[in-house]
Amino acid sequence: MLYLPREEGQGLVEYALILVLIAIVVIVILTTLGGVINNVFSNVVSGLGPGN
């Protein structure tokens, strides 16, 4: 009988590694641009405030 390797576990590990890599990239982008994004939202909120 021929040995047929099972690859379901390997595919699952590859998907998990891709998801971890994407999460790391998103965290790095958010920490880098966090101040800029915060300023944009602050300007929008102050523009929508009752004084305007």
N, C-alpha and C. Protein backbone atom coordinates (compact mmCIF):
# COMPACT_ATOMS: atom_id res chain seq x y z
N MET A 1 0.85 -1.18 0.00
CA MET A 1 0.00 0.00 0.00
C MET A 1 0.89 1.24 0.00
N LEU A 2 0.52 2.22 -0.79
CA LEU A 2 1.29 3.45 -0.87
C LEU A 2 0.97 4.35 0.31
N TYR A 3 2.00 5.08 0.72
CA TYR A 3 1.82 6.04 1.80
C TYR A 3 1.39 7.37 1.21
N LEU A 4 0.24 7.87 1.61
CA LEU A 4 -0.26 9.16 1.15
C LEU A 4 -0.20 10.14 2.32
N PRO A 5 0.63 11.17 2.19
CA PRO A 5 0.74 12.12 3.31
C PRO A 5 -0.53 12.94 3.49
N ARG A 6 -0.84 13.21 4.74
CA ARG A 6 -2.00 14.06 5.04
C ARG A 6 -1.52 15.49 5.16
N GLU A 7 -2.18 16.41 4.46
CA GLU A 7 -1.73 17.79 4.43
C GLU A 7 -2.73 18.76 5.03
N GLU A 8 -3.79 18.24 5.66
CA GLU A 8 -4.77 19.15 6.22
C GLU A 8 -4.17 19.98 7.35
N GLY A 9 -3.41 19.35 8.23
CA GLY A 9 -2.79 20.07 9.33
C GLY A 9 -1.79 21.11 8.85
N GLN A 10 -1.05 20.76 7.81
CA GLN A 10 -0.07 21.70 7.26
C GLN A 10 -0.76 22.93 6.69
N GLY A 11 -1.85 22.75 5.98
CA GLY A 11 -2.59 23.89 5.43
C GLY A 11 -3.14 24.77 6.53
N LEU A 12 -3.61 24.16 7.61
CA LEU A 12 -4.15 24.93 8.73
C LEU A 12 -3.06 25.77 9.38
N VAL A 13 -1.87 25.20 9.53
CA VAL A 13 -0.76 25.95 10.11
C VAL A 13 -0.36 27.10 9.20
N GLU A 14 -0.37 26.88 7.91
CA GLU A 14 -0.03 27.96 6.98
C GLU A 14 -1.04 29.10 7.05
N TYR A 15 -2.32 28.78 7.13
CA TYR A 15 -3.34 29.83 7.28
C TYR A 15 -3.14 30.59 8.58
N ALA A 16 -2.82 29.88 9.66
CA ALA A 16 -2.61 30.53 10.95
C ALA A 16 -1.41 31.48 10.88
N LEU A 17 -0.33 31.05 10.22
CA LEU A 17 0.85 31.91 10.09
C LEU A 17 0.54 33.16 9.26
N ILE A 18 -0.25 33.01 8.23
CA ILE A 18 -0.64 34.17 7.41
C ILE A 18 -1.47 35.14 8.24
N LEU A 19 -2.41 34.62 9.03
CA LEU A 19 -3.25 35.49 9.87
C LEU A 19 -2.41 36.22 10.92
N VAL A 20 -1.42 35.52 11.50
CA VAL A 20 -0.55 36.16 12.48
C VAL A 20 0.27 37.26 11.81
N LEU A 21 0.78 37.00 10.61
CA LEU A 21 1.56 38.01 9.90
C LEU A 21 0.71 39.24 9.58
N ILE A 22 -0.53 39.03 9.14
CA ILE A 22 -1.43 40.15 8.85
C ILE A 22 -1.72 40.93 10.12
N ALA A 23 -1.94 40.24 11.23
CA ALA A 23 -2.21 40.92 12.50
C ALA A 23 -1.02 41.77 12.92
N ILE A 24 0.19 41.26 12.76
CA ILE A 24 1.38 42.02 13.12
C ILE A 24 1.51 43.26 12.26
N VAL A 25 1.25 43.12 10.95
CA VAL A 25 1.34 44.28 10.05
C VAL A 25 0.32 45.33 10.43
N VAL A 26 -0.91 44.92 10.73
CA VAL A 26 -1.95 45.88 11.11
C VAL A 26 -1.59 46.59 12.41
N ILE A 27 -1.05 45.86 13.38
CA ILE A 27 -0.66 46.48 14.65
C ILE A 27 0.45 47.49 14.43
N VAL A 28 1.43 47.15 13.60
CA VAL A 28 2.53 48.08 13.33
C VAL A 28 2.01 49.34 12.63
N ILE A 29 1.12 49.17 11.67
CA ILE A 29 0.57 50.34 10.96
C ILE A 29 -0.24 51.22 11.92
N LEU A 30 -1.05 50.61 12.76
CA LEU A 30 -1.87 51.40 13.68
C LEU A 30 -1.02 52.12 14.72
N THR A 31 0.03 51.49 15.21
CA THR A 31 0.88 52.17 16.18
C THR A 31 1.68 53.29 15.52
N THR A 32 2.05 53.09 14.26
CA THR A 32 2.80 54.13 13.55
C THR A 32 1.91 55.32 13.20
N LEU A 33 0.72 55.06 12.72
CA LEU A 33 -0.17 56.12 12.27
C LEU A 33 -1.24 56.48 13.30
N GLY A 34 -1.13 55.97 14.50
CA GLY A 34 -2.16 56.20 15.51
C GLY A 34 -2.36 57.65 15.83
N GLY A 35 -1.27 58.40 15.97
CA GLY A 35 -1.40 59.82 16.28
C GLY A 35 -2.06 60.60 15.16
N VAL A 36 -1.71 60.28 13.94
CA VAL A 36 -2.31 60.97 12.78
C VAL A 36 -3.80 60.68 12.70
N ILE A 37 -4.16 59.42 12.88
CA ILE A 37 -5.58 59.04 12.83
C ILE A 37 -6.35 59.71 13.96
N ASN A 38 -5.73 59.77 15.15
CA ASN A 38 -6.38 60.42 16.29
C ASN A 38 -6.63 61.90 15.99
N ASN A 39 -5.66 62.58 15.38
CA ASN A 39 -5.83 63.99 15.05
C ASN A 39 -6.94 64.19 14.03
N VAL A 40 -7.03 63.31 13.05
CA VAL A 40 -8.09 63.43 12.04
C VAL A 40 -9.46 63.30 12.69
N PHE A 41 -9.63 62.29 13.54
CA PHE A 41 -10.93 62.11 14.19
C PHE A 41 -11.23 63.26 15.14
N SER A 42 -10.22 63.79 15.81
CA SER A 42 -10.44 64.93 16.70
C SER A 42 -10.90 66.15 15.91
N ASN A 43 -10.30 66.38 14.74
CA ASN A 43 -10.71 67.49 13.91
C ASN A 43 -12.14 67.32 13.41
N VAL A 44 -12.51 66.09 13.07
CA VAL A 44 -13.87 65.84 12.59
C VAL A 44 -14.87 66.08 13.72
N VAL A 45 -14.56 65.59 14.92
CA VAL A 45 -15.47 65.76 16.05
C VAL A 45 -15.60 67.24 16.41
N SER A 46 -14.49 67.96 16.40
CA SER A 46 -14.57 69.38 16.74
C SER A 46 -15.30 70.16 15.64
N GLY A 47 -15.21 69.71 14.41
CA GLY A 47 -15.94 70.36 13.33
C GLY A 47 -17.43 70.12 13.41
N LEU A 48 -17.83 69.00 13.98
CA LEU A 48 -19.24 68.68 14.11
C LEU A 48 -19.84 69.18 15.42
N GLY A 49 -19.02 69.81 16.24
CA GLY A 49 -19.46 70.25 17.56
C GLY A 49 -20.53 71.33 17.49
N PRO A 50 -21.08 71.71 18.66
CA PRO A 50 -22.19 72.66 18.71
C PRO A 50 -21.77 74.09 18.35
N GLY A 51 -20.49 74.40 18.40
CA GLY A 51 -20.07 75.76 18.09
C GLY A 51 -20.00 76.04 16.59
N ASN A 52 -20.17 75.05 15.78
CA ASN A 52 -20.01 75.25 14.32
C ASN A 52 -21.31 75.14 13.59
